[in-house]
Amino acid sequence: MANRSNQLVVQQAKAALDQMKYEVAQELGIQLQPGYNGNLATRDAGSIGGNITRKLVQIAEQQLQGYKR
C-alpha cells in the first residue's frame, strides 16, 4: 500500500515551497497570513496549489531538457 502522507522527501525544500506559496498567492491577488489560513476559500487554496504544481512541472521540464541518456 502506498504511503500518501504530505511529508517532504527533501526537508530542505520546505522553505522554498513556502516562499513559492506566498509568491503564487500574491500573483493571484490572494492574501495569505503567516501560519494557519483557515479562512481561505477552497477555490483560492486550489488555485494556489494548482499554480505551484504548474510551476514545479515547468522547472522539472526545463531541467530535463538538458538531460541526455
N, C-alpha and C. Protein backbone atom coordinates (compact mmCIF):
# COMPACT_ATOMS: atom_id res chain seq x y z
N MET A 1 0.83 -1.17 0.00
CA MET A 1 0.00 0.00 0.00
C MET A 1 0.88 1.24 0.00
N ALA A 2 0.53 2.24 -0.82
CA ALA A 2 1.33 3.45 -0.97
C ALA A 2 1.20 4.36 0.25
N ASN A 3 2.31 5.01 0.57
CA ASN A 3 2.31 5.99 1.64
C ASN A 3 1.83 7.32 1.06
N ARG A 4 0.69 7.81 1.49
CA ARG A 4 0.10 9.02 0.93
C ARG A 4 0.18 10.20 1.89
N SER A 5 1.28 10.32 2.58
CA SER A 5 1.44 11.44 3.50
C SER A 5 1.95 12.65 2.73
N ASN A 6 1.84 13.80 3.35
CA ASN A 6 2.32 15.03 2.74
C ASN A 6 3.71 15.40 3.25
N GLN A 7 4.48 14.41 3.64
CA GLN A 7 5.82 14.67 4.13
C GLN A 7 6.76 14.91 2.95
N LEU A 8 7.64 15.90 3.12
CA LEU A 8 8.59 16.20 2.07
C LEU A 8 9.68 15.14 2.03
N VAL A 9 10.09 14.81 0.82
CA VAL A 9 11.20 13.87 0.65
C VAL A 9 12.51 14.58 1.00
N VAL A 10 12.63 15.83 0.57
CA VAL A 10 13.80 16.64 0.87
C VAL A 10 13.35 17.74 1.84
N GLN A 11 13.67 17.58 3.10
CA GLN A 11 13.20 18.51 4.13
C GLN A 11 13.67 19.94 3.89
N GLN A 12 14.83 20.12 3.25
CA GLN A 12 15.35 21.46 3.00
C GLN A 12 14.50 22.21 1.97
N ALA A 13 13.62 21.54 1.27
CA ALA A 13 12.78 22.17 0.26
C ALA A 13 11.62 22.94 0.88
N LYS A 14 11.35 22.75 2.16
CA LYS A 14 10.19 23.39 2.80
C LYS A 14 10.21 24.90 2.67
N ALA A 15 11.34 25.53 2.93
CA ALA A 15 11.43 26.99 2.86
C ALA A 15 11.16 27.47 1.43
N ALA A 16 11.70 26.78 0.44
CA ALA A 16 11.49 27.18 -0.95
C ALA A 16 10.03 27.01 -1.35
N LEU A 17 9.39 25.94 -0.91
CA LEU A 17 7.98 25.73 -1.22
C LEU A 17 7.08 26.74 -0.52
N ASP A 18 7.42 27.09 0.71
CA ASP A 18 6.66 28.13 1.42
C ASP A 18 6.78 29.47 0.70
N GLN A 19 7.99 29.80 0.27
CA GLN A 19 8.21 31.06 -0.46
C GLN A 19 7.41 31.06 -1.76
N MET A 20 7.41 29.93 -2.47
CA MET A 20 6.66 29.81 -3.71
C MET A 20 5.16 29.99 -3.45
N LYS A 21 4.68 29.44 -2.34
CA LYS A 21 3.26 29.57 -1.99
C LYS A 21 2.87 31.04 -1.85
N TYR A 22 3.68 31.82 -1.16
CA TYR A 22 3.38 33.23 -0.96
C TYR A 22 3.51 34.03 -2.26
N GLU A 23 4.49 33.67 -3.10
CA GLU A 23 4.65 34.34 -4.40
C GLU A 23 3.45 34.08 -5.30
N VAL A 24 3.02 32.83 -5.37
CA VAL A 24 1.88 32.48 -6.22
C VAL A 24 0.62 33.16 -5.70
N ALA A 25 0.41 33.16 -4.40
CA ALA A 25 -0.77 33.81 -3.84
C ALA A 25 -0.77 35.29 -4.19
N GLN A 26 0.38 35.93 -4.10
CA GLN A 26 0.47 37.35 -4.43
C GLN A 26 0.16 37.58 -5.90
N GLU A 27 0.69 36.72 -6.78
CA GLU A 27 0.41 36.83 -8.22
C GLU A 27 -1.08 36.71 -8.50
N LEU A 28 -1.77 35.88 -7.72
CA LEU A 28 -3.20 35.66 -7.92
C LEU A 28 -4.06 36.68 -7.17
N GLY A 29 -3.43 37.55 -6.39
CA GLY A 29 -4.16 38.55 -5.63
C GLY A 29 -4.85 37.99 -4.41
N ILE A 30 -4.32 36.88 -3.88
CA ILE A 30 -4.89 36.24 -2.69
C ILE A 30 -4.01 36.58 -1.50
N GLN A 31 -4.63 37.08 -0.44
CA GLN A 31 -3.90 37.46 0.76
C GLN A 31 -3.70 36.26 1.67
N LEU A 32 -2.45 35.91 1.93
CA LEU A 32 -2.12 34.85 2.88
C LEU A 32 -1.46 35.47 4.10
N GLN A 33 -1.81 34.97 5.26
CA GLN A 33 -1.18 35.38 6.50
C GLN A 33 -0.15 34.32 6.89
N PRO A 34 0.92 34.71 7.54
CA PRO A 34 1.87 33.70 8.03
C PRO A 34 1.15 32.74 8.98
N GLY A 35 1.41 31.48 8.86
CA GLY A 35 0.77 30.48 9.71
C GLY A 35 -0.48 29.91 9.09
N TYR A 36 -1.45 29.64 9.92
CA TYR A 36 -2.69 28.98 9.50
C TYR A 36 -3.61 29.94 8.76
N ASN A 37 -4.16 29.50 7.64
CA ASN A 37 -5.08 30.31 6.83
C ASN A 37 -6.42 29.59 6.71
N GLY A 38 -7.04 29.30 7.82
CA GLY A 38 -8.29 28.56 7.84
C GLY A 38 -9.45 29.29 7.20
N ASN A 39 -9.32 30.59 7.03
CA ASN A 39 -10.39 31.37 6.42
C ASN A 39 -10.29 31.42 4.89
N LEU A 40 -9.27 30.78 4.34
CA LEU A 40 -9.03 30.79 2.91
C LEU A 40 -10.09 29.95 2.19
N ALA A 41 -10.68 30.51 1.15
CA ALA A 41 -11.69 29.78 0.37
C ALA A 41 -11.05 28.58 -0.32
N THR A 42 -11.79 27.51 -0.42
CA THR A 42 -11.29 26.30 -1.06
C THR A 42 -10.84 26.58 -2.49
N ARG A 43 -11.59 27.40 -3.19
CA ARG A 43 -11.25 27.75 -4.57
C ARG A 43 -9.89 28.44 -4.63
N ASP A 44 -9.63 29.35 -3.70
CA ASP A 44 -8.35 30.06 -3.66
C ASP A 44 -7.20 29.11 -3.32
N ALA A 45 -7.43 28.24 -2.35
CA ALA A 45 -6.40 27.26 -1.98
C ALA A 45 -6.08 26.36 -3.18
N GLY A 46 -7.10 25.95 -3.90
CA GLY A 46 -6.89 25.11 -5.08
C GLY A 46 -6.14 25.85 -6.18
N SER A 47 -6.43 27.13 -6.34
CA SER A 47 -5.73 27.93 -7.34
C SER A 47 -4.25 28.05 -7.00
N ILE A 48 -3.97 28.27 -5.73
CA ILE A 48 -2.58 28.38 -5.29
C ILE A 48 -1.86 27.05 -5.53
N GLY A 49 -2.47 25.95 -5.08
CA GLY A 49 -1.85 24.64 -5.24
C GLY A 49 -1.66 24.26 -6.70
N GLY A 50 -2.65 24.55 -7.52
CA GLY A 50 -2.55 24.23 -8.95
C GLY A 50 -1.45 25.01 -9.64
N ASN A 51 -1.32 26.28 -9.28
CA ASN A 51 -0.27 27.10 -9.88
C ASN A 51 1.11 26.70 -9.40
N ILE A 52 1.22 26.29 -8.14
CA ILE A 52 2.50 25.78 -7.63
C ILE A 52 2.89 24.53 -8.41
N THR A 53 1.94 23.63 -8.60
CA THR A 53 2.22 22.40 -9.34
C THR A 53 2.65 22.72 -10.77
N ARG A 54 1.96 23.64 -11.41
CA ARG A 54 2.31 24.05 -12.78
C ARG A 54 3.74 24.56 -12.84
N LYS A 55 4.12 25.41 -11.86
CA LYS A 55 5.48 25.95 -11.85
C LYS A 55 6.53 24.86 -11.60
N LEU A 56 6.22 23.94 -10.69
CA LEU A 56 7.16 22.86 -10.41
C LEU A 56 7.35 21.96 -11.63
N VAL A 57 6.29 21.70 -12.37
CA VAL A 57 6.39 20.90 -13.59
C VAL A 57 7.25 21.64 -14.62
N GLN A 58 7.05 22.94 -14.76
CA GLN A 58 7.85 23.73 -15.69
C GLN A 58 9.33 23.67 -15.33
N ILE A 59 9.63 23.80 -14.05
CA ILE A 59 11.02 23.73 -13.58
C ILE A 59 11.61 22.36 -13.92
N ALA A 60 10.86 21.30 -13.65
CA ALA A 60 11.35 19.94 -13.94
C ALA A 60 11.56 19.75 -15.44
N GLU A 61 10.65 20.25 -16.25
CA GLU A 61 10.79 20.11 -17.70
C GLU A 61 12.04 20.84 -18.19
N GLN A 62 12.31 22.02 -17.65
CA GLN A 62 13.50 22.77 -18.04
C GLN A 62 14.77 22.01 -17.66
N GLN A 63 14.75 21.40 -16.48
CA GLN A 63 15.92 20.64 -16.04
C GLN A 63 16.12 19.39 -16.89
N LEU A 64 15.03 18.77 -17.31
CA LEU A 64 15.12 17.55 -18.11
C LEU A 64 15.54 17.83 -19.54
N GLN A 65 15.36 19.04 -20.03
CA GLN A 65 15.78 19.36 -21.38
C GLN A 65 17.28 19.17 -21.57
N GLY A 66 18.04 19.42 -20.53
CA GLY A 66 19.48 19.26 -20.61
C GLY A 66 19.93 17.83 -20.32
N TYR A 67 19.03 16.99 -19.90
CA TYR A 67 19.37 15.61 -19.53
C TYR A 67 19.35 14.73 -20.77
N LYS A 68 20.46 14.02 -21.00
CA LYS A 68 20.53 13.11 -22.15
C LYS A 68 20.93 11.74 -21.66
N ARG A 69 20.31 10.75 -22.22
CA ARG A 69 20.63 9.36 -21.84
C ARG A 69 21.70 8.80 -22.70
